[in-house]
Amino acid sequence: TSDSTKEVQNAVQSTDINKLKQKTKKNDAYASQEKAEPRVLFASDSFEMRCVDRLSVALKQQLPNAKVPATPAERNRWASEIERMKRLDGRSETEIEEALQFATSDSFWRTTIRSTAKLREKCETLLLQNRKRVSKSESSNGRNRFHNFEQHDYDYDDMMWQSVTANMAEGGKTI
């Protein structure tokens, strides 16, 4: 009986080991897929690469030794994020350009958006804040509550001159 028990135990152990090996192979394959280079290669004049270039230039202007993609593979990974914004997130090129322009010009977002992955993550917020800013500036038309007074065409110097000459004509003292 002990021989048959040992055989069953060995069979169970070998089955468990085989399952573990298969699971490990699947995990390794998935991990290597994650680390693999993107399959799509972007042309240097593509919209995606132009966005990468624009963000890279803006980052370098802020900080000359900023971490930006240096190799074609790194640039391609950044471009993949722009492509995902279009394909998966449903963003138009116009929306992406608007978000990128705001991200590189706004004092807060310039320090926050440091990669295309972060641009993708914050795209909706960037669009909403930019549109709020634009609508606010259009509605105020460059004026604030202190400029909403009725304008008059008075010549203050002329009014003072007339007051002084009238006062002198009456024999009063000059100012």
Protein backbone atom coordinates (compact mmCIF):
# COMPACT_ATOMS: atom_id res chain seq x y z
CA THR A 1 0.00 0.00 0.00
CA SER A 2 2.80 2.42 0.73
CA ASP A 3 4.18 1.96 -2.82
CA SER A 4 0.83 2.88 -4.35
CA THR A 5 0.55 5.90 -2.04
CA LYS A 6 3.99 7.07 -3.08
CA GLU A 7 3.06 6.64 -6.75
CA VAL A 8 -0.09 8.77 -6.28
CA GLN A 9 1.86 11.41 -4.39
CA ASN A 10 4.51 11.53 -7.12
CA ALA A 11 1.82 11.80 -9.81
CA VAL A 12 0.10 14.65 -7.95
CA GLN A 13 3.40 16.44 -7.38
CA SER A 14 4.44 16.14 -11.03
CA THR A 15 1.02 17.44 -12.13
CA ASP A 16 1.35 20.39 -9.75
CA ILE A 17 4.88 21.09 -11.02
CA ASN A 18 3.71 20.96 -14.65
CA LYS A 19 0.84 23.35 -13.89
CA LEU A 20 3.25 25.72 -12.14
CA LYS A 21 5.65 25.58 -15.10
CA GLN A 22 2.82 26.38 -17.54
CA LYS A 23 1.61 29.25 -15.37
CA THR A 24 5.15 30.63 -15.13
CA LYS A 25 5.55 30.39 -18.92
CA LYS A 26 2.29 32.32 -19.41
CA ASN A 27 3.38 35.00 -16.94
CA ASP A 28 6.81 35.25 -18.59
CA ALA A 29 5.20 35.56 -22.02
CA TYR A 30 2.87 38.28 -20.76
CA ALA A 31 5.73 40.15 -19.09
CA SER A 32 7.87 39.99 -22.21
CA GLN A 33 4.92 41.25 -24.25
CA GLU A 34 4.63 44.23 -21.91
CA LYS A 35 8.34 45.00 -22.28
CA ALA A 36 8.42 44.37 -26.03
CA GLU A 37 8.77 47.28 -28.38
CA PRO A 38 5.51 48.57 -29.83
CA ARG A 39 4.68 46.81 -33.06
CA VAL A 40 3.68 49.98 -34.87
CA LEU A 41 6.56 52.13 -36.03
CA PHE A 42 5.70 55.77 -36.52
CA ALA A 43 7.06 57.88 -39.36
CA SER A 44 9.06 60.91 -38.29
CA ASP A 45 6.47 63.22 -39.91
CA SER A 46 3.43 61.45 -38.39
CA PHE A 47 1.07 63.30 -36.08
CA GLU A 48 2.18 61.13 -33.18
CA MET A 49 5.88 61.92 -33.68
CA ARG A 50 5.16 65.62 -34.14
CA CYS A 51 3.44 65.56 -30.73
CA VAL A 52 6.43 63.75 -29.20
CA ASP A 53 8.78 66.35 -30.71
CA ARG A 54 6.66 69.24 -29.49
CA LEU A 55 6.52 67.91 -25.92
CA SER A 56 10.24 67.05 -25.95
CA VAL A 57 11.18 70.56 -27.10
CA ALA A 58 8.95 72.14 -24.43
CA LEU A 59 10.47 69.95 -21.71
CA LYS A 60 14.02 70.77 -22.86
CA GLN A 61 13.22 74.51 -22.88
CA GLN A 62 12.11 74.29 -19.26
CA LEU A 63 15.01 72.14 -18.15
CA PRO A 64 17.89 71.47 -20.57
CA ASN A 65 18.70 68.07 -19.08
CA ALA A 66 15.06 66.94 -18.82
CA LYS A 67 14.35 63.28 -19.35
CA VAL A 68 13.00 62.96 -22.88
CA PRO A 69 13.09 60.00 -25.27
CA ALA A 70 16.54 59.75 -26.79
CA THR A 71 16.40 56.55 -28.83
CA PRO A 72 14.00 55.75 -31.67
CA ALA A 73 12.49 52.98 -29.52
CA GLU A 74 11.77 55.42 -26.66
CA ARG A 75 10.32 57.97 -29.07
CA ASN A 76 8.15 55.21 -30.51
CA ARG A 77 6.85 54.32 -27.03
CA TRP A 78 5.90 57.97 -26.45
CA ALA A 79 4.23 58.08 -29.87
CA SER A 80 2.27 54.94 -28.98
CA GLU A 81 0.61 56.85 -26.13
CA ILE A 82 -0.58 59.49 -28.60
CA GLU A 83 -1.87 56.74 -30.90
CA ARG A 84 -3.76 55.17 -27.97
CA MET A 85 -5.33 58.54 -27.21
CA LYS A 86 -6.75 58.52 -30.71
CA ARG A 87 -7.66 54.85 -31.02
CA LEU A 88 -8.69 53.84 -27.50
CA ASP A 89 -9.73 57.13 -25.91
CA GLY A 90 -11.47 58.49 -29.00
CA ARG A 91 -9.56 61.80 -28.99
CA SER A 92 -9.32 63.76 -32.21
CA GLU A 93 -6.03 65.21 -33.35
CA THR A 94 -7.45 68.67 -32.68
CA GLU A 95 -8.26 67.74 -29.07
CA ILE A 96 -4.80 66.25 -28.56
CA GLU A 97 -3.17 69.38 -29.98
CA GLU A 98 -5.34 71.57 -27.74
CA ALA A 99 -4.42 69.56 -24.63
CA LEU A 100 -0.73 69.55 -25.60
CA GLN A 101 -0.68 73.29 -26.23
CA PHE A 102 -2.32 73.99 -22.87
CA ALA A 103 -0.03 71.50 -21.09
CA THR A 104 3.08 73.21 -22.46
CA SER A 105 1.93 76.79 -21.87
CA ASP A 106 0.09 76.75 -18.52
CA SER A 107 2.36 77.44 -15.53
CA PHE A 108 0.94 74.56 -13.47
CA TRP A 109 0.65 71.93 -16.19
CA ARG A 110 4.14 72.64 -17.60
CA THR A 111 5.57 71.17 -14.41
CA THR A 112 3.10 68.28 -14.26
CA ILE A 113 2.98 66.88 -17.81
CA ARG A 114 6.42 65.34 -18.32
CA SER A 115 5.55 62.51 -20.76
CA THR A 116 2.95 61.48 -23.30
CA ALA A 117 1.64 58.90 -20.81
CA LYS A 118 0.87 61.71 -18.35
CA LEU A 119 -0.61 63.77 -21.19
CA ARG A 120 -2.91 60.86 -22.01
CA GLU A 121 -3.86 60.38 -18.36
CA LYS A 122 -4.71 64.07 -17.82
CA CYS A 123 -6.06 64.87 -21.30
CA GLU A 124 -9.67 65.28 -20.24
CA THR A 125 -8.75 67.59 -17.36
CA LEU A 126 -6.48 69.64 -19.63
CA LEU A 127 -9.24 70.07 -22.21
CA LEU A 128 -11.82 71.10 -19.61
CA GLN A 129 -9.52 73.60 -17.90
CA ASN A 130 -8.40 75.11 -21.19
CA ARG A 131 -11.98 75.49 -22.42
CA LYS A 132 -13.02 77.04 -19.12
CA ARG A 133 -10.15 79.51 -19.38
CA VAL A 134 -10.99 80.37 -22.99
CA SER A 135 -14.70 80.87 -22.30
CA LYS A 136 -13.92 82.98 -19.24
CA SER A 137 -11.59 85.25 -21.18
CA GLU A 138 -14.09 85.58 -24.04
CA SER A 139 -16.95 86.47 -21.68
CA SER A 140 -14.96 89.06 -19.77
CA ASN A 141 -13.48 90.45 -23.00
CA GLY A 142 -10.40 91.61 -21.12
CA ARG A 143 -12.43 93.55 -18.58
CA ASN A 144 -12.95 92.90 -14.91
CA ARG A 145 -15.43 94.27 -12.40
CA PHE A 146 -13.35 97.43 -11.97
CA HIS A 147 -13.59 98.28 -15.64
CA ASN A 148 -17.35 98.00 -15.98
CA PHE A 149 -18.04 101.65 -15.26
CA GLU A 150 -19.60 103.91 -17.82
CA GLN A 151 -16.92 105.74 -19.76
CA HIS A 152 -17.06 109.55 -20.12
CA ASP A 153 -15.17 111.77 -22.49
CA TYR A 154 -14.07 114.40 -20.03
CA ASP A 155 -10.91 116.42 -20.44
CA TYR A 156 -9.88 116.87 -16.83
CA ASP A 157 -7.18 119.42 -17.67
CA ASP A 158 -9.67 121.52 -19.62
CA MET A 159 -12.18 121.34 -16.75
CA MET A 160 -9.52 122.52 -14.31
CA TRP A 161 -8.46 125.34 -16.64
CA GLN A 162 -12.06 126.52 -16.99
CA SER A 163 -12.52 126.38 -13.21
CA VAL A 164 -9.35 128.40 -12.61
CA THR A 165 -10.19 131.04 -15.24
CA ALA A 166 -13.77 131.34 -13.91
CA ASN A 167 -12.46 131.73 -10.39
CA MET A 168 -9.98 134.41 -11.54
CA ALA A 169 -12.71 136.25 -13.40
CA GLU A 170 -14.74 136.45 -10.20
CA GLY A 171 -11.73 137.91 -8.44
CA GLY A 172 -10.90 134.82 -6.45
CA LYS A 173 -7.53 133.38 -5.69
CA THR A 174 -5.80 131.05 -8.10
CA ILE A 175 -4.95 127.57 -7.12
